[in-house]
Amino acid sequence: MKYKTATAAAIFAAALSACCTSCNTITDDALPALPVNINLSPVSVWNTYGVTAFGSYRYFVMQNSEPSGFPYIGQSATGFGGVLLVCGFNPYTTDAGVPMAYDLACPVERRAEVRVRMKATDTFPMAVCPECGSTYNVVEHGGAPESGPAAASRLGLTRYRCLDAVNGGYLIIN
């Protein structure tokens, strides 16, 4: 009997722990996983199209040839709705002034053509969905939702990796 009670207590504790942990989790994979491959190397390409000032940003949407003049190649891909590149604080490594990349598509709307846009605030720009009004902190909190339906549903922007390139600059991939 002691074994059944101990087992039941352990199962209950594990379930309670999982429930409490999931309450604080932001889902950042609500969008279809499409390829991302943006080569911002060598340094000259990074210096032209990259982001170096804290809070600066740039949009990459291959279908719209955005940014203008960017040298997309055959292997290039910009995810589901395009890519938002931001210079900010990486909350997962605590590095500051580093490039962070997100899918531009709003995870609430889940349509490639509904893209967040950056909006100035009193501190740093925020990504805002023009349809549902959700706001996302892409400069300081890794694309976490701040308000709107995304905050209520705990849906964050899909994050992509920014890797140091061998020839300087960065590669953005998923």
C-alpha atoms as a PDB file:
ATOM      1  CA  MET A   1       0.000   0.000   0.000  1.00  0.00           C
ATOM      2  CA  LYS A   2       2.868   2.373   0.788  1.00  0.00           C
ATOM      3  CA  TYR A   3       4.214   1.811  -2.741  1.00  0.00           C
ATOM      4  CA  LYS A   4       0.903   2.837  -4.374  1.00  0.00           C
ATOM      5  CA  THR A   5       0.637   5.958  -2.204  1.00  0.00           C
ATOM      6  CA  ALA A   6       4.243   6.973  -2.922  1.00  0.00           C
ATOM      7  CA  THR A   7       3.775   6.344  -6.647  1.00  0.00           C
ATOM      8  CA  ALA A   8       0.543   8.341  -6.733  1.00  0.00           C
ATOM      9  CA  ALA A   9       2.187  11.184  -4.829  1.00  0.00           C
ATOM     10  CA  ALA A  10       5.151  11.195  -7.236  1.00  0.00           C
ATOM     11  CA  ILE A  11       2.855  11.246 -10.276  1.00  0.00           C
ATOM     12  CA  PHE A  12       0.796  14.061  -8.755  1.00  0.00           C
ATOM     13  CA  ALA A  13       3.949  16.093  -7.969  1.00  0.00           C
ATOM     14  CA  ALA A  14       5.299  15.595 -11.499  1.00  0.00           C
ATOM     15  CA  ALA A  15       1.982  16.622 -13.063  1.00  0.00           C
ATOM     16  CA  LEU A  16       1.719  19.684 -10.818  1.00  0.00           C
ATOM     17  CA  SER A  17       5.314  20.665 -11.643  1.00  0.00           C
ATOM     18  CA  ALA A  18       4.688  20.304 -15.396  1.00  0.00           C
ATOM     19  CA  CYS A  19       1.516  22.357 -15.122  1.00  0.00           C
ATOM     20  CA  CYS A  20       3.194  25.165 -13.189  1.00  0.00           C
ATOM     21  CA  THR A  21       6.212  25.200 -15.506  1.00  0.00           C
ATOM     22  CA  SER A  22       4.070  25.341 -18.641  1.00  0.00           C
ATOM     23  CA  CYS A  23       2.168  28.326 -17.249  1.00  0.00           C
ATOM     24  CA  ASN A  24       5.337  30.412 -17.632  1.00  0.00           C
ATOM     25  CA  THR A  25       6.271  29.160 -21.091  1.00  0.00           C
ATOM     26  CA  ILE A  26       6.060  31.237 -24.243  1.00  0.00           C
ATOM     27  CA  THR A  27       5.264  29.247 -27.380  1.00  0.00           C
ATOM     28  CA  ASP A  28       7.464  30.403 -30.241  1.00  0.00           C
ATOM     29  CA  ASP A  29       6.790  27.687 -32.807  1.00  0.00           C
ATOM     30  CA  ALA A  30       3.187  28.453 -33.822  1.00  0.00           C
ATOM     31  CA  LEU A  31       4.129  29.129 -37.464  1.00  0.00           C
ATOM     32  CA  PRO A  32       4.935  26.602 -40.201  1.00  0.00           C
ATOM     33  CA  ALA A  33       8.644  25.749 -40.164  1.00  0.00           C
ATOM     34  CA  LEU A  34       9.960  27.037 -43.486  1.00  0.00           C
ATOM     35  CA  PRO A  35      13.642  27.397 -44.390  1.00  0.00           C
ATOM     36  CA  VAL A  36      15.591  30.478 -43.314  1.00  0.00           C
ATOM     37  CA  ASN A  37      18.965  31.222 -44.848  1.00  0.00           C
ATOM     38  CA  ILE A  38      20.206  34.802 -45.047  1.00  0.00           C
ATOM     39  CA  ASN A  39      23.921  35.306 -45.622  1.00  0.00           C
ATOM     40  CA  LEU A  40      25.110  38.621 -44.207  1.00  0.00           C
ATOM     41  CA  SER A  41      28.748  37.838 -44.919  1.00  0.00           C
ATOM     42  CA  PRO A  42      31.414  39.074 -45.571  1.00  0.00           C
ATOM     43  CA  VAL A  43      31.766  42.093 -43.306  1.00  0.00           C
ATOM     44  CA  SER A  44      31.007  44.496 -46.166  1.00  0.00           C
ATOM     45  CA  VAL A  45      27.531  42.924 -46.587  1.00  0.00           C
ATOM     46  CA  TRP A  46      26.970  43.045 -42.813  1.00  0.00           C
ATOM     47  CA  ASN A  47      28.043  46.700 -42.704  1.00  0.00           C
ATOM     48  CA  THR A  48      25.504  47.526 -45.433  1.00  0.00           C
ATOM     49  CA  TYR A  49      22.514  45.376 -44.393  1.00  0.00           C
ATOM     50  CA  GLY A  50      23.181  44.396 -40.771  1.00  0.00           C
ATOM     51  CA  VAL A  51      22.135  46.048 -37.509  1.00  0.00           C
ATOM     52  CA  THR A  52      24.769  47.450 -35.168  1.00  0.00           C
ATOM     53  CA  ALA A  53      23.086  50.084 -32.986  1.00  0.00           C
ATOM     54  CA  PHE A  54      21.058  48.833 -30.003  1.00  0.00           C
ATOM     55  CA  GLY A  55      17.390  48.919 -31.047  1.00  0.00           C
ATOM     56  CA  SER A  56      18.097  49.180 -34.779  1.00  0.00           C
ATOM     57  CA  TYR A  57      16.240  46.790 -37.079  1.00  0.00           C
ATOM     58  CA  ARG A  58      15.814  45.669 -40.673  1.00  0.00           C
ATOM     59  CA  TYR A  59      13.203  43.616 -42.563  1.00  0.00           C
ATOM     60  CA  PHE A  60      14.160  40.784 -44.954  1.00  0.00           C
ATOM     61  CA  VAL A  61      11.351  39.601 -47.260  1.00  0.00           C
ATOM     62  CA  MET A  62      12.765  37.848 -50.307  1.00  0.00           C
ATOM     63  CA  GLN A  63       9.445  37.819 -52.239  1.00  0.00           C
ATOM     64  CA  ASN A  64       9.331  41.636 -51.980  1.00  0.00           C
ATOM     65  CA  SER A  65      13.066  42.121 -52.698  1.00  0.00           C
ATOM     66  CA  GLU A  66      13.379  43.701 -49.271  1.00  0.00           C
ATOM     67  CA  PRO A  67      15.734  45.239 -48.356  1.00  0.00           C
ATOM     68  CA  SER A  68      16.284  46.891 -51.700  1.00  0.00           C
ATOM     69  CA  GLY A  69      19.492  45.743 -53.372  1.00  0.00           C
ATOM     70  CA  PHE A  70      20.169  42.863 -50.960  1.00  0.00           C
ATOM     71  CA  PRO A  71      22.086  40.078 -52.761  1.00  0.00           C
ATOM     72  CA  TYR A  72      19.686  37.140 -52.343  1.00  0.00           C
ATOM     73  CA  ILE A  73      21.057  33.945 -53.915  1.00  0.00           C
ATOM     74  CA  GLY A  74      19.590  30.543 -54.834  1.00  0.00           C
ATOM     75  CA  GLN A  75      19.903  29.144 -51.293  1.00  0.00           C
ATOM     76  CA  SER A  76      18.390  32.224 -49.660  1.00  0.00           C
ATOM     77  CA  ALA A  77      15.125  31.809 -47.755  1.00  0.00           C
ATOM     78  CA  THR A  78      13.234  34.135 -45.429  1.00  0.00           C
ATOM     79  CA  GLY A  79      10.923  31.815 -43.504  1.00  0.00           C
ATOM     80  CA  PHE A  80       7.138  32.032 -43.363  1.00  0.00           C
ATOM     81  CA  GLY A  81       6.474  35.783 -43.361  1.00  0.00           C
ATOM     82  CA  GLY A  82       9.973  37.220 -43.751  1.00  0.00           C
ATOM     83  CA  VAL A  83      12.666  37.954 -41.181  1.00  0.00           C
ATOM     84  CA  LEU A  84      13.002  40.797 -38.690  1.00  0.00           C
ATOM     85  CA  LEU A  85      16.628  41.420 -37.725  1.00  0.00           C
ATOM     86  CA  VAL A  86      17.157  43.454 -34.542  1.00  0.00           C
ATOM     87  CA  CYS A  87      20.171  44.546 -32.524  1.00  0.00           C
ATOM     88  CA  GLY A  88      19.299  43.933 -28.899  1.00  0.00           C
ATOM     89  CA  PHE A  89      19.714  41.959 -25.700  1.00  0.00           C
ATOM     90  CA  ASN A  90      19.678  38.178 -25.921  1.00  0.00           C
ATOM     91  CA  PRO A  91      17.793  37.029 -22.793  1.00  0.00           C
ATOM     92  CA  TYR A  92      18.997  33.458 -23.291  1.00  0.00           C
ATOM     93  CA  THR A  93      22.725  34.276 -23.221  1.00  0.00           C
ATOM     94  CA  THR A  94      22.573  37.740 -21.548  1.00  0.00           C
ATOM     95  CA  ASP A  95      24.685  39.192 -24.373  1.00  0.00           C
ATOM     96  CA  ALA A  96      23.874  42.804 -25.252  1.00  0.00           C
ATOM     97  CA  GLY A  97      24.188  44.532 -28.612  1.00  0.00           C
ATOM     98  CA  VAL A  98      23.841  41.302 -30.574  1.00  0.00           C
ATOM     99  CA  PRO A  99      21.738  40.467 -33.616  1.00  0.00           C
ATOM    100  CA  MET A 100      18.448  38.688 -32.944  1.00  0.00           C
ATOM    101  CA  ALA A 101      16.183  37.379 -35.725  1.00  0.00           C
ATOM    102  CA  TYR A 102      12.447  36.621 -35.765  1.00  0.00           C
ATOM    103  CA  ASP A 103       9.799  35.651 -38.287  1.00  0.00           C
ATOM    104  CA  LEU A 104       7.779  38.702 -39.302  1.00  0.00           C
ATOM    105  CA  ALA A 105       4.482  36.772 -39.357  1.00  0.00           C
ATOM    106  CA  CYS A 106       2.226  37.290 -36.356  1.00  0.00           C
ATOM    107  CA  PRO A 107       1.785  33.947 -34.538  1.00  0.00           C
ATOM    108  CA  VAL A 108      -1.813  34.877 -33.630  1.00  0.00           C
ATOM    109  CA  GLU A 109      -2.854  35.562 -37.231  1.00  0.00           C
ATOM    110  CA  ARG A 110      -0.718  32.752 -38.729  1.00  0.00           C
ATOM    111  CA  ARG A 111      -0.795  34.268 -42.221  1.00  0.00           C
ATOM    112  CA  ALA A 112       2.445  35.022 -44.086  1.00  0.00           C
ATOM    113  CA  GLU A 113       1.107  38.341 -45.378  1.00  0.00           C
ATOM    114  CA  VAL A 114       0.233  39.639 -41.882  1.00  0.00           C
ATOM    115  CA  ARG A 115       3.631  40.918 -40.795  1.00  0.00           C
ATOM    116  CA  VAL A 116       4.563  42.707 -37.594  1.00  0.00           C
ATOM    117  CA  ARG A 117       5.997  46.190 -38.012  1.00  0.00           C
ATOM    118  CA  MET A 118       8.300  48.053 -35.685  1.00  0.00           C
ATOM    119  CA  LYS A 119       6.828  50.973 -33.780  1.00  0.00           C
ATOM    120  CA  ALA A 120       8.707  53.550 -31.731  1.00  0.00           C
ATOM    121  CA  THR A 121       8.075  53.650 -27.966  1.00  0.00           C
ATOM    122  CA  ASP A 122       9.511  55.685 -25.086  1.00  0.00           C
ATOM    123  CA  THR A 123      12.371  53.186 -24.732  1.00  0.00           C
ATOM    124  CA  PHE A 124      13.018  50.794 -27.624  1.00  0.00           C
ATOM    125  CA  PRO A 125      10.918  49.933 -30.673  1.00  0.00           C
ATOM    126  CA  MET A 126       8.358  47.130 -30.327  1.00  0.00           C
ATOM    127  CA  ALA A 127       7.024  44.786 -33.002  1.00  0.00           C
ATOM    128  CA  VAL A 128       3.272  45.330 -33.499  1.00  0.00           C
ATOM    129  CA  CYS A 129       0.766  43.251 -35.482  1.00  0.00           C
ATOM    130  CA  PRO A 130      -1.389  45.486 -37.710  1.00  0.00           C
ATOM    131  CA  GLU A 131      -4.314  43.018 -37.527  1.00  0.00           C
ATOM    132  CA  CYS A 132      -4.706  41.853 -33.921  1.00  0.00           C
ATOM    133  CA  GLY A 133      -2.710  44.648 -32.241  1.00  0.00           C
ATOM    134  CA  SER A 134      -0.416  42.280 -30.318  1.00  0.00           C
ATOM    135  CA  THR A 135       2.936  43.768 -29.322  1.00  0.00           C
ATOM    136  CA  TYR A 136       6.216  41.882 -28.967  1.00  0.00           C
ATOM    137  CA  ASN A 137       9.403  42.917 -27.196  1.00  0.00           C
ATOM    138  CA  VAL A 138      12.105  42.013 -29.711  1.00  0.00           C
ATOM    139  CA  VAL A 139      14.873  44.243 -28.356  1.00  0.00           C
ATOM    140  CA  GLU A 140      15.009  43.103 -24.723  1.00  0.00           C
ATOM    141  CA  HIS A 141      12.863  39.954 -24.252  1.00  0.00           C
ATOM    142  CA  GLY A 142      13.495  37.613 -27.170  1.00  0.00           C
ATOM    143  CA  GLY A 143      10.242  38.288 -29.043  1.00  0.00           C
ATOM    144  CA  ALA A 144       7.994  37.673 -26.029  1.00  0.00           C
ATOM    145  CA  PRO A 145       4.454  39.050 -26.253  1.00  0.00           C
ATOM    146  CA  GLU A 146       3.780  42.204 -24.246  1.00  0.00           C
ATOM    147  CA  SER A 147       0.079  42.821 -24.920  1.00  0.00           C
ATOM    148  CA  GLY A 148      -2.917  41.808 -26.999  1.00  0.00           C
ATOM    149  CA  PRO A 149      -4.131  38.326 -27.956  1.00  0.00           C
ATOM    150  CA  ALA A 150      -0.544  37.061 -28.212  1.00  0.00           C
ATOM    151  CA  ALA A 151       0.085  37.871 -24.535  1.00  0.00           C
ATOM    152  CA  ALA A 152      -3.191  36.215 -23.506  1.00  0.00           C
ATOM    153  CA  SER A 153      -2.269  33.085 -25.519  1.00  0.00           C
ATOM    154  CA  ARG A 154       1.450  33.293 -24.619  1.00  0.00           C
ATOM    155  CA  LEU A 155       2.493  33.240 -28.285  1.00  0.00           C
ATOM    156  CA  GLY A 156       5.902  34.753 -29.008  1.00  0.00           C
ATOM    157  CA  LEU A 157       7.517  35.479 -32.349  1.00  0.00           C
ATOM    158  CA  THR A 158       9.366  32.579 -33.960  1.00  0.00           C
ATOM    159  CA  ARG A 159      13.080  33.003 -33.294  1.00  0.00           C
ATOM    160  CA  TYR A 160      15.884  32.243 -35.734  1.00  0.00           C
ATOM    161  CA  ARG A 161      19.587  31.793 -35.078  1.00  0.00           C
ATOM    162  CA  CYS A 162      22.229  34.414 -35.893  1.00  0.00           C
ATOM    163  CA  LEU A 163      25.594  32.720 -36.251  1.00  0.00           C
ATOM    164  CA  ASP A 164      29.008  34.327 -36.638  1.00  0.00           C
ATOM    165  CA  ALA A 165      30.176  33.830 -40.226  1.00  0.00           C
ATOM    166  CA  VAL A 166      33.726  32.712 -41.002  1.00  0.00           C
ATOM    167  CA  ASN A 167      34.404  35.809 -43.156  1.00  0.00           C
ATOM    168  CA  GLY A 168      32.816  38.208 -40.656  1.00  0.00           C
ATOM    169  CA  GLY A 169      29.197  39.228 -40.498  1.00  0.00           C
ATOM    170  CA  TYR A 170      26.430  36.755 -39.687  1.00  0.00           C
ATOM    171  CA  LEU A 171      24.312  33.935 -41.061  1.00  0.00           C
ATOM    172  CA  ILE A 172      20.619  33.843 -40.142  1.00  0.00           C
ATOM    173  CA  ILE A 173      19.240  30.303 -40.179  1.00  0.00           C
ATOM    174  CA  ASN A 174      16.606  28.127 -38.518  1.00  0.00           C
END
